[in-house]
Amino acid sequence: FKDAAKLRFGKYTAKLMMVYDDGQRDVPIEGEVSFWVVPWRILIVLLVNFLIVAGFFFLLWHFFRQREKNYQSKK
């Protein structure tokens, strides 16, 4: 948790302002690029945990459904 402050998420924009000399004069160059930063390791852990919990509830549902079917067939 000590590194939580370093965690970044969202859209970022990097801007460049550069000047170079072409031999006759200074030539300015400007550039901009946008990109997304996504903490993919955290997303994978959350997805795996979600799948485990969903699988557990599916197994419970399936178990009780089979149990009810067996109970209904014995009547």
N, C-alpha and C. Protein backbone atom coordinates (compact mmCIF):
# COMPACT_ATOMS: atom_id res chain seq x y z
N PHE A 1 0.80 -1.21 0.00
CA PHE A 1 0.00 0.00 0.00
C PHE A 1 0.84 1.27 0.00
N LYS A 2 2.12 1.13 0.34
CA LYS A 2 2.97 2.32 0.36
C LYS A 2 3.18 2.89 -1.04
N ASP A 3 3.04 2.06 -2.06
CA ASP A 3 3.21 2.52 -3.44
C ASP A 3 1.89 2.93 -4.08
N ALA A 4 0.80 2.97 -3.32
CA ALA A 4 -0.50 3.32 -3.88
C ALA A 4 -0.51 4.73 -4.46
N ALA A 5 0.28 5.62 -3.90
CA ALA A 5 0.33 6.99 -4.41
C ALA A 5 0.97 7.04 -5.79
N LYS A 6 1.76 6.03 -6.13
CA LYS A 6 2.41 5.98 -7.44
C LYS A 6 1.50 5.40 -8.52
N LEU A 7 0.38 4.81 -8.09
CA LEU A 7 -0.54 4.17 -9.02
C LEU A 7 -1.18 5.20 -9.94
N ARG A 8 -1.08 4.98 -11.20
CA ARG A 8 -1.65 5.90 -12.18
C ARG A 8 -2.69 5.19 -13.01
N PHE A 9 -3.74 5.92 -13.34
CA PHE A 9 -4.80 5.39 -14.18
C PHE A 9 -5.46 6.55 -14.90
N GLY A 10 -5.72 6.37 -16.18
CA GLY A 10 -6.44 7.41 -16.92
C GLY A 10 -5.74 7.80 -18.20
N LYS A 11 -6.30 8.84 -18.80
CA LYS A 11 -5.78 9.35 -20.07
C LYS A 11 -4.75 10.44 -19.78
N TYR A 12 -3.62 10.33 -20.45
CA TYR A 12 -2.54 11.30 -20.30
C TYR A 12 -2.21 11.87 -21.67
N THR A 13 -1.65 13.06 -21.66
CA THR A 13 -1.21 13.71 -22.89
C THR A 13 0.23 14.17 -22.70
N ALA A 14 1.08 13.76 -23.63
CA ALA A 14 2.48 14.20 -23.61
C ALA A 14 2.65 15.24 -24.71
N LYS A 15 3.24 16.37 -24.34
CA LYS A 15 3.45 17.45 -25.30
C LYS A 15 4.94 17.70 -25.46
N LEU A 16 5.35 17.98 -26.70
CA LEU A 16 6.75 18.23 -27.00
C LEU A 16 6.87 19.59 -27.67
N MET A 17 7.81 20.38 -27.20
CA MET A 17 8.17 21.64 -27.84
C MET A 17 9.67 21.61 -28.00
N MET A 18 10.13 21.55 -29.27
CA MET A 18 11.55 21.39 -29.54
C MET A 18 11.96 22.41 -30.61
N VAL A 19 13.18 22.89 -30.49
CA VAL A 19 13.72 23.83 -31.48
C VAL A 19 15.08 23.28 -31.92
N TYR A 20 15.26 23.21 -33.24
CA TYR A 20 16.56 22.80 -33.75
C TYR A 20 17.03 23.78 -34.82
N ASP A 21 18.32 23.77 -35.04
CA ASP A 21 18.93 24.68 -36.00
C ASP A 21 19.19 23.91 -37.29
N ASP A 22 18.59 24.37 -38.39
CA ASP A 22 18.78 23.68 -39.67
C ASP A 22 19.95 24.27 -40.48
N GLY A 23 20.73 25.08 -39.85
CA GLY A 23 21.88 25.69 -40.52
C GLY A 23 21.60 27.12 -40.94
N GLN A 24 20.35 27.48 -41.09
CA GLN A 24 19.99 28.84 -41.48
C GLN A 24 19.21 29.56 -40.38
N ARG A 25 18.34 28.81 -39.71
CA ARG A 25 17.52 29.44 -38.68
C ARG A 25 17.05 28.37 -37.69
N ASP A 26 16.47 28.82 -36.60
CA ASP A 26 15.88 27.90 -35.63
C ASP A 26 14.51 27.46 -36.13
N VAL A 27 14.27 26.16 -36.07
CA VAL A 27 12.99 25.60 -36.53
C VAL A 27 12.28 24.98 -35.32
N PRO A 28 11.11 25.52 -34.99
CA PRO A 28 10.35 24.95 -33.87
C PRO A 28 9.52 23.74 -34.33
N ILE A 29 9.44 22.78 -33.47
CA ILE A 29 8.62 21.60 -33.72
C ILE A 29 7.74 21.37 -32.49
N GLU A 30 6.47 21.18 -32.73
CA GLU A 30 5.54 20.88 -31.64
C GLU A 30 4.88 19.55 -31.94
N GLY A 31 4.68 18.79 -30.91
CA GLY A 31 4.00 17.51 -31.06
C GLY A 31 3.20 17.18 -29.82
N GLU A 32 2.21 16.35 -30.01
CA GLU A 32 1.34 15.96 -28.90
C GLU A 32 0.83 14.55 -29.15
N VAL A 33 0.81 13.75 -28.10
CA VAL A 33 0.29 12.39 -28.21
C VAL A 33 -0.49 12.10 -26.93
N SER A 34 -1.63 11.45 -27.09
CA SER A 34 -2.45 11.05 -25.94
C SER A 34 -2.40 9.53 -25.82
N PHE A 35 -2.43 9.06 -24.57
CA PHE A 35 -2.39 7.61 -24.33
C PHE A 35 -3.06 7.32 -23.00
N TRP A 36 -3.45 6.08 -22.85
CA TRP A 36 -4.10 5.62 -21.63
C TRP A 36 -3.13 4.80 -20.80
N VAL A 37 -3.16 5.01 -19.51
CA VAL A 37 -2.39 4.21 -18.56
C VAL A 37 -3.39 3.37 -17.78
N VAL A 38 -3.22 2.06 -17.87
CA VAL A 38 -4.13 1.12 -17.20
C VAL A 38 -3.28 0.16 -16.37
N PRO A 39 -3.56 0.04 -15.09
CA PRO A 39 -2.82 -0.90 -14.25
C PRO A 39 -3.27 -2.33 -14.54
N TRP A 40 -2.73 -2.94 -15.57
CA TRP A 40 -3.22 -4.22 -16.06
C TRP A 40 -3.04 -5.35 -15.06
N ARG A 41 -2.03 -5.29 -14.23
CA ARG A 41 -1.84 -6.36 -13.23
C ARG A 41 -2.98 -6.36 -12.22
N ILE A 42 -3.39 -5.18 -11.80
CA ILE A 42 -4.50 -5.08 -10.85
C ILE A 42 -5.78 -5.54 -11.52
N LEU A 43 -5.98 -5.17 -12.78
CA LEU A 43 -7.19 -5.60 -13.50
C LEU A 43 -7.24 -7.12 -13.65
N ILE A 44 -6.10 -7.74 -13.90
CA ILE A 44 -6.06 -9.21 -14.03
C ILE A 44 -6.40 -9.86 -12.69
N VAL A 45 -5.86 -9.34 -11.60
CA VAL A 45 -6.17 -9.89 -10.28
C VAL A 45 -7.65 -9.75 -9.98
N LEU A 46 -8.22 -8.59 -10.27
CA LEU A 46 -9.65 -8.39 -10.03
C LEU A 46 -10.49 -9.32 -10.90
N LEU A 47 -10.10 -9.50 -12.16
CA LEU A 47 -10.84 -10.39 -13.05
C LEU A 47 -10.78 -11.84 -12.57
N VAL A 48 -9.61 -12.28 -12.15
CA VAL A 48 -9.47 -13.65 -11.65
C VAL A 48 -10.31 -13.84 -10.40
N ASN A 49 -10.28 -12.88 -9.48
CA ASN A 49 -11.11 -12.97 -8.28
C ASN A 49 -12.59 -13.01 -8.62
N PHE A 50 -13.01 -12.18 -9.57
CA PHE A 50 -14.40 -12.18 -9.99
C PHE A 50 -14.79 -13.54 -10.56
N LEU A 51 -13.93 -14.11 -11.39
CA LEU A 51 -14.24 -15.41 -11.98
C LEU A 51 -14.31 -16.51 -10.93
N ILE A 52 -13.46 -16.45 -9.92
CA ILE A 52 -13.51 -17.44 -8.84
C ILE A 52 -14.82 -17.33 -8.07
N VAL A 53 -15.21 -16.12 -7.72
CA VAL A 53 -16.46 -15.92 -6.98
C VAL A 53 -17.66 -16.33 -7.84
N ALA A 54 -17.66 -15.94 -9.11
CA ALA A 54 -18.76 -16.31 -10.01
C ALA A 54 -18.83 -17.83 -10.17
N GLY A 55 -17.68 -18.48 -10.29
CA GLY A 55 -17.65 -19.94 -10.39
C GLY A 55 -18.19 -20.60 -9.14
N PHE A 56 -17.85 -20.06 -7.98
CA PHE A 56 -18.36 -20.60 -6.71
C PHE A 56 -19.88 -20.50 -6.66
N PHE A 57 -20.43 -19.34 -7.02
CA PHE A 57 -21.88 -19.18 -6.99
C PHE A 57 -22.56 -20.05 -8.05
N PHE A 58 -21.91 -20.23 -9.19
CA PHE A 58 -22.48 -21.12 -10.21
C PHE A 58 -22.52 -22.56 -9.69
N LEU A 59 -21.46 -22.99 -9.02
CA LEU A 59 -21.45 -24.35 -8.46
C LEU A 59 -22.52 -24.51 -7.38
N LEU A 60 -22.68 -23.50 -6.54
CA LEU A 60 -23.76 -23.56 -5.54
C LEU A 60 -25.12 -23.66 -6.21
N TRP A 61 -25.36 -22.83 -7.20
CA TRP A 61 -26.63 -22.84 -7.92
C TRP A 61 -26.87 -24.20 -8.56
N HIS A 62 -25.82 -24.73 -9.20
CA HIS A 62 -25.94 -26.03 -9.86
C HIS A 62 -26.22 -27.15 -8.84
N PHE A 63 -25.53 -27.11 -7.71
CA PHE A 63 -25.72 -28.11 -6.67
C PHE A 63 -27.16 -28.10 -6.16
N PHE A 64 -27.68 -26.92 -5.84
CA PHE A 64 -29.04 -26.85 -5.32
C PHE A 64 -30.08 -27.17 -6.38
N ARG A 65 -29.79 -26.85 -7.62
CA ARG A 65 -30.71 -27.20 -8.71
C ARG A 65 -30.78 -28.72 -8.88
N GLN A 66 -29.64 -29.38 -8.85
CA GLN A 66 -29.62 -30.85 -8.96
C GLN A 66 -30.31 -31.48 -7.76
N ARG A 67 -30.09 -30.91 -6.60
CA ARG A 67 -30.72 -31.44 -5.39
C ARG A 67 -32.23 -31.32 -5.48
N GLU A 68 -32.70 -30.18 -5.99
CA GLU A 68 -34.15 -29.99 -6.14
C GLU A 68 -34.72 -30.94 -7.18
N LYS A 69 -34.00 -31.16 -8.27
CA LYS A 69 -34.46 -32.10 -9.30
C LYS A 69 -34.56 -33.51 -8.73
N ASN A 70 -33.56 -33.92 -7.94
CA ASN A 70 -33.59 -35.23 -7.32
C ASN A 70 -34.75 -35.35 -6.34
N TYR A 71 -35.01 -34.28 -5.60
CA TYR A 71 -36.12 -34.29 -4.66
C TYR A 71 -37.44 -34.39 -5.39
N GLN A 72 -37.59 -33.65 -6.51
CA GLN A 72 -38.82 -33.67 -7.28
C GLN A 72 -39.05 -35.04 -7.92
N SER A 73 -37.99 -35.69 -8.36
CA SER A 73 -38.14 -37.00 -9.02
C SER A 73 -38.48 -38.11 -8.03
N LYS A 74 -38.16 -37.92 -6.75
CA LYS A 74 -38.46 -38.94 -5.74
C LYS A 74 -39.91 -38.86 -5.27
N LYS A 75 -40.59 -37.77 -5.54
CA LYS A 75 -41.99 -37.63 -5.12
C LYS A 75 -42.91 -38.51 -5.89
